[in-house]
Protein backbone atom coordinates (compact mmCIF):
# COMPACT_ATOMS: atom_id res chain seq x y z
CA UNK A 1 -8.67 -27.82 -1.35
CA UNK A 2 -11.92 -27.79 0.59
CA UNK A 3 -13.08 -25.45 3.35
CA UNK A 4 -11.89 -22.32 1.57
CA UNK A 5 -13.11 -18.80 2.22
CA UNK A 6 -13.40 -16.24 -0.58
CA UNK A 7 -13.09 -12.76 0.93
CA UNK A 8 -12.90 -9.63 -1.19
CA UNK A 9 -9.95 -7.42 -0.24
CA UNK A 10 -9.46 -4.03 -1.90
CA UNK A 11 -12.06 -5.08 -4.46
CA UNK A 12 -10.24 -8.31 -5.40
CA UNK A 13 -11.66 -11.70 -4.45
CA UNK A 14 -9.10 -14.23 -3.26
CA UNK A 15 -9.15 -17.71 -1.74
CA UNK A 16 -8.13 -18.38 1.87
CA UNK A 17 -7.55 -21.45 4.00
CA UNK A 18 -7.85 -20.67 7.72
CA UNK A 19 -7.43 -23.68 9.99
CA UNK A 20 -6.22 -24.80 13.40
CA UNK A 21 -7.01 -23.30 16.81
CA UNK A 22 -8.43 -19.77 16.81
CA UNK A 23 -5.85 -17.16 17.78
CA UNK A 24 -4.63 -13.70 16.86
CA UNK A 25 -1.27 -15.32 16.14
CA UNK A 26 -0.98 -17.49 13.04
CA UNK A 27 1.48 -19.27 10.78
CA UNK A 28 0.96 -17.57 7.41
CA UNK A 29 1.98 -19.44 4.25
CA UNK A 30 2.56 -17.24 1.18
CA UNK A 31 3.09 -18.95 -2.18
CA UNK A 32 5.15 -17.61 -5.05
CA UNK A 33 4.99 -17.93 -8.83
CA UNK A 34 3.12 -19.95 -10.11
CA UNK A 35 1.80 -21.12 -6.75
CA UNK A 36 -1.51 -21.71 -5.01
CA UNK A 37 -2.79 -22.77 -1.60
CA UNK A 38 -2.66 -26.39 -2.75
CA UNK A 39 1.17 -26.29 -2.83
CA UNK A 40 1.16 -26.42 0.97
CA UNK A 41 -1.29 -29.33 1.33
CA UNK A 42 1.29 -31.77 2.73
CA UNK A 43 2.47 -29.31 5.41
CA UNK A 44 -0.69 -27.66 6.74
CA UNK A 45 -2.23 -30.53 8.78
CA UNK A 46 0.88 -31.00 10.93
CA UNK A 47 1.22 -27.26 11.65
CA UNK A 48 -2.50 -26.96 12.42
CA UNK A 49 -1.96 -29.48 15.21
CA UNK A 50 -0.46 -26.71 17.34
CA UNK A 51 -1.16 -23.37 15.63
CA UNK A 52 -3.64 -21.40 13.62
CA UNK A 53 -2.64 -21.59 9.95
CA UNK A 54 -3.52 -19.19 7.13
CA UNK A 55 -2.75 -19.73 3.45
CA UNK A 56 -4.09 -17.87 0.44
CA UNK A 57 -4.21 -17.59 -3.32
CA UNK A 58 -2.92 -14.10 -4.08
CA UNK A 59 -4.40 -11.97 -6.91
CA UNK A 60 -3.53 -13.43 -10.29
CA UNK A 61 -2.92 -16.91 -8.85
CA UNK A 62 -4.89 -20.04 -8.11
CA UNK A 63 -8.57 -19.36 -7.52
CA UNK A 64 -8.11 -15.63 -6.92
CA UNK A 65 -9.35 -13.00 -9.34
CA UNK A 66 -7.01 -11.50 -11.93
CA UNK A 67 -8.22 -7.91 -12.46
CA UNK A 68 -6.40 -5.76 -14.99
CA UNK A 69 -6.19 -2.82 -12.59
CA UNK A 70 -4.57 -4.60 -9.61
CA UNK A 71 -1.17 -3.27 -8.55
CA UNK A 72 0.97 -6.22 -9.69
CA UNK A 73 4.12 -5.01 -7.92
CA UNK A 74 5.89 -6.24 -4.81
CA UNK A 75 4.51 -3.29 -2.87
CA UNK A 76 1.03 -3.92 -4.26
CA UNK A 77 1.12 -7.55 -3.16
CA UNK A 78 2.60 -6.63 0.24
CA UNK A 79 -0.21 -4.14 0.82
CA UNK A 80 -2.80 -6.74 -0.21
CA UNK A 81 -1.28 -9.32 2.16
CA UNK A 82 -1.46 -6.85 5.02
CA UNK A 83 -5.09 -5.97 4.32
CA UNK A 84 -5.95 -9.66 4.15
CA UNK A 85 -4.30 -10.34 7.52
CA UNK A 86 -6.21 -7.37 8.98
CA UNK A 87 -9.44 -8.83 7.59
CA UNK A 88 -8.66 -12.17 9.24
CA UNK A 89 -7.69 -10.47 12.55
CA UNK A 90 -4.15 -11.90 12.43
CA UNK A 91 -2.25 -9.65 14.82
CA UNK A 92 1.08 -11.52 14.79
CA UNK A 93 2.36 -13.64 11.92
CA UNK A 94 4.89 -16.43 11.63
CA UNK A 95 5.60 -15.90 7.94
CA UNK A 96 6.43 -18.91 5.74
CA UNK A 97 7.45 -17.56 2.33
CA UNK A 98 8.37 -19.23 -0.95
CA UNK A 99 9.68 -17.82 -4.24
CA UNK A 100 7.99 -14.45 -4.98
CA UNK A 101 6.10 -14.85 -1.72
CA UNK A 102 9.47 -13.91 -0.22
CA UNK A 103 9.54 -10.36 -1.63
CA UNK A 104 5.81 -9.89 -0.94
CA UNK A 105 6.08 -11.05 2.67
CA UNK A 106 9.45 -9.42 3.36
CA UNK A 107 8.21 -6.08 2.09
CA UNK A 108 5.21 -6.31 4.42
CA UNK A 109 7.45 -7.44 7.30
CA UNK A 110 9.85 -4.52 6.85
CA UNK A 111 6.91 -2.13 6.86
CA UNK A 112 5.28 -3.79 9.92
CA UNK A 113 8.12 -5.35 11.96
CA UNK A 114 6.18 -5.54 15.22
CA UNK A 115 3.59 -7.82 13.64
CA UNK A 116 6.10 -10.53 12.65
CA UNK A 117 6.85 -13.21 15.24
CA UNK A 118 9.17 -15.31 13.07
CA UNK A 119 10.23 -15.78 9.48
CA UNK A 120 10.70 -18.97 7.45
CA UNK A 121 12.21 -18.59 3.98
CA UNK A 122 11.87 -21.45 1.50
CA UNK A 123 14.05 -20.94 -1.59
CA UNK A 124 13.63 -17.19 -1.19
CA UNK A 125 15.06 -14.24 0.69
CA UNK A 126 17.11 -11.10 0.30
CA UNK A 127 19.33 -11.69 -2.72
CA UNK A 128 21.84 -8.93 -3.51
CA UNK A 129 23.42 -9.24 -6.92
CA UNK A 130 20.83 -11.77 -8.10
CA UNK A 131 20.63 -12.27 -11.87
CA UNK A 132 17.14 -13.20 -13.02
CA UNK A 133 16.68 -16.72 -14.41
CA UNK A 134 15.97 -17.20 -18.10
CA UNK A 135 12.18 -17.37 -17.85
CA UNK A 136 12.12 -14.15 -15.82
CA UNK A 137 14.25 -12.40 -18.44
CA UNK A 138 11.84 -13.53 -21.15
CA UNK A 139 8.79 -12.34 -19.17
CA UNK A 140 10.50 -9.00 -18.60
CA UNK A 141 10.97 -8.45 -22.34
CA UNK A 142 8.04 -6.74 -24.13
CA UNK A 143 6.50 -8.70 -26.99
CA UNK A 144 8.81 -11.68 -26.41
CA UNK A 145 7.15 -12.23 -23.04
CA UNK A 146 3.67 -12.15 -24.56
CA UNK A 147 4.65 -14.59 -27.30
CA UNK A 148 6.24 -16.92 -24.76
CA UNK A 149 3.09 -16.88 -22.62
CA UNK A 150 0.88 -17.58 -25.63
CA UNK A 151 3.01 -20.61 -26.49
CA UNK A 152 3.04 -21.92 -22.91
CA UNK A 153 0.46 -24.68 -23.36
CA UNK A 154 -0.20 -27.19 -20.55
CA UNK A 155 2.17 -29.67 -22.20
CA UNK A 156 4.91 -27.09 -22.56
CA UNK A 157 4.50 -26.03 -18.93
CA UNK A 158 4.78 -29.60 -17.65
CA UNK A 159 7.81 -30.34 -19.81
CA UNK A 160 9.57 -27.12 -18.79
CA UNK A 161 9.02 -27.64 -15.07
CA UNK A 162 10.27 -31.20 -15.16
CA UNK A 163 13.24 -30.40 -17.41
CA UNK A 164 14.51 -27.77 -14.99
CA UNK A 165 13.92 -29.63 -11.74
CA UNK A 166 16.42 -32.23 -10.45
CA UNK A 167 13.65 -34.82 -10.09
CA UNK A 168 10.23 -35.21 -11.77
CA UNK A 169 7.52 -33.18 -10.08
CA UNK A 170 4.27 -34.92 -9.13
CA UNK A 171 1.80 -34.94 -12.00
CA UNK A 172 -0.86 -33.47 -9.72
CA UNK A 173 1.33 -30.42 -9.15
CA UNK A 174 2.14 -29.81 -12.81
CA UNK A 175 -1.50 -30.39 -13.80
CA UNK A 176 -2.59 -27.81 -11.23
CA UNK A 177 -0.06 -25.26 -12.47
CA UNK A 178 -1.38 -25.76 -15.99
CA UNK A 179 -5.04 -25.59 -14.90
CA UNK A 180 -4.57 -22.21 -13.18
CA UNK A 181 -2.47 -20.78 -16.02
CA UNK A 182 -5.15 -18.86 -17.90
CA UNK A 183 -4.41 -15.59 -19.68
CA UNK A 184 -5.29 -13.51 -16.61
CA UNK A 185 -2.62 -15.36 -14.64
CA UNK A 186 -0.10 -15.06 -17.46
CA UNK A 187 -0.75 -11.33 -17.74
CA UNK A 188 -0.24 -10.96 -13.98
CA UNK A 189 3.12 -12.75 -14.22
CA UNK A 190 4.31 -10.44 -16.98
CA UNK A 191 3.35 -7.32 -15.03
CA UNK A 192 4.90 -8.56 -11.79
CA UNK A 193 8.24 -9.51 -13.32
CA UNK A 194 8.46 -6.33 -15.37
CA UNK A 195 7.82 -4.24 -12.26
CA UNK A 196 10.52 -6.11 -10.34
CA UNK A 197 13.58 -5.85 -12.58
CA UNK A 198 15.57 -3.81 -10.04
CA UNK A 199 15.65 -6.05 -6.98
CA UNK A 200 17.64 -3.56 -4.89
CA UNK A 201 14.93 -0.92 -5.31
CA UNK A 202 12.37 -3.17 -3.61
CA UNK A 203 14.42 -3.48 -0.41
CA UNK A 204 16.57 -0.38 0.10
CA UNK A 205 16.88 -1.51 3.74
CA UNK A 206 19.07 -4.40 2.54
CA UNK A 207 21.92 -1.92 2.15
CA UNK A 208 22.01 -1.87 5.95
CA UNK A 209 22.97 -5.17 7.53
CA UNK A 210 21.64 -6.84 9.50
CA UNK A 211 17.99 -6.12 8.70
CA UNK A 212 16.93 -7.60 12.05
CA UNK A 213 19.50 -8.98 14.45
CA UNK A 214 17.01 -10.68 16.77
CA UNK A 215 14.20 -12.05 14.59
CA UNK A 216 13.97 -15.87 14.66
CA UNK A 217 14.53 -17.06 11.08
CA UNK A 218 14.55 -20.49 9.47
CA UNK A 219 16.00 -20.84 5.96
CA UNK A 220 15.20 -23.96 3.91
CA UNK A 221 16.66 -24.29 0.43
CA UNK A 222 16.72 -26.98 -2.22
CA UNK A 223 20.36 -27.74 -2.98
CA UNK A 224 19.65 -27.99 -6.73
CA UNK A 225 17.23 -25.11 -7.19
CA UNK A 226 17.61 -24.15 -10.87
CA UNK A 227 16.16 -20.64 -10.45
CA UNK A 228 17.47 -19.33 -7.12
CA UNK A 229 21.03 -20.58 -6.46
CA UNK A 230 21.62 -22.34 -3.16
CA UNK A 231 24.53 -19.99 -2.35
CA UNK A 232 21.90 -17.50 -1.22
CA UNK A 233 20.84 -19.78 1.63
CA UNK A 234 23.88 -19.08 3.81
CA UNK A 235 23.87 -15.43 2.68
CA UNK A 236 20.64 -14.86 4.61
CA UNK A 237 22.70 -14.83 7.81
CA UNK A 238 24.20 -11.52 6.71
CA UNK A 239 20.73 -10.00 7.03
CA UNK A 240 19.32 -12.22 9.79
CA UNK A 241 22.19 -13.25 12.10
CA UNK A 242 19.96 -15.58 14.14
CA UNK A 243 18.94 -17.61 11.09
CA UNK A 244 19.19 -21.38 11.13
CA UNK A 245 19.93 -22.69 7.64
CA UNK A 246 18.90 -26.05 6.20
CA UNK A 247 20.15 -27.03 2.74
CA UNK A 248 18.03 -29.89 1.40
CA UNK A 249 20.20 -32.32 -0.61
CA UNK A 250 19.01 -33.30 -4.08
CA UNK A 251 15.90 -31.11 -4.02
CA UNK A 252 14.95 -28.27 -6.33
CA UNK A 253 12.77 -25.18 -6.20
CA UNK A 254 9.66 -26.80 -4.65
CA UNK A 255 11.02 -29.00 -1.83
CA UNK A 256 7.63 -29.07 -0.07
CA UNK A 257 6.16 -30.65 -3.21
CA UNK A 258 9.12 -32.91 -4.07
CA UNK A 259 9.74 -34.33 -0.57
CA UNK A 260 7.38 -32.83 2.04
CA UNK A 261 8.89 -34.87 4.87
CA UNK A 262 12.33 -33.31 4.24
CA UNK A 263 11.02 -29.83 4.85
CA UNK A 264 8.33 -30.55 7.43
CA UNK A 265 10.70 -31.84 10.12
CA UNK A 266 12.90 -28.70 10.42
CA UNK A 267 10.01 -26.29 9.74
CA UNK A 268 7.73 -27.86 12.32
CA UNK A 269 10.49 -27.99 14.94
CA UNK A 270 11.30 -24.31 14.33
CA UNK A 271 7.67 -23.20 14.54
CA UNK A 272 6.97 -25.28 17.64
CA UNK A 273 9.86 -23.58 19.42
CA UNK A 274 8.52 -20.19 18.38
CA UNK A 275 5.17 -21.11 19.96
CA UNK A 276 6.87 -22.22 23.17
CA UNK A 277 6.36 -25.90 22.41
CA UNK A 278 9.10 -28.51 22.43
CA UNK A 279 9.33 -32.10 21.12
């Protein structure tokens, strides 16, 4: 993507897209693993038509640095996200979270509830009883995880992503995943997943339901997600009673890449309402 900024936050240089009308309130897109700003390219222009939009490459991902001494934990990423939003003078955030961006953003939201105006969860959320998918279990296993990462060549990555997903992913997406998958990124993935084995420990608040009875929440979930089962989509209402839930038929873990129009319509309508705008 063009027009990127490269601020240094807590000593780590990242990449940031900051578009749309200037405001202290912004729609904030947070990617997951193995994401980058580019994942959101089909969604950002429409949202920027009525709101400031911020998206970033988090440490270890995309164009961001991959230092050995970064805190590659959910709390470390949540803290980094908060410092980045402070740097950008984002006072109120409409969070749009995917995959591991869910835990990062939710942890920050639970620590700073007054700064969150709305929450959109894309194939992510609070997931009690979740059993990690097979790749996660490999990454969490010492030695085996390192061997697996060493063997994950660009061709292997492309084949694995397309084998798991219900429909072939665009070649541009799989090429980008492979291009950003250097050893620094792979090391970051290992450290993040190994620090996140106990999901319940990340969100002790989830033992109390609901987490927030009034927060506007939009849940969008690919019906055939091979990593995060679709049954968790409706379960989000146990934590966020006001949530509207959209199950996207035939789509997998990256619905905004597979069929951007399927996700843009409900997401844009939800965000426009949150900004006091109506069709």
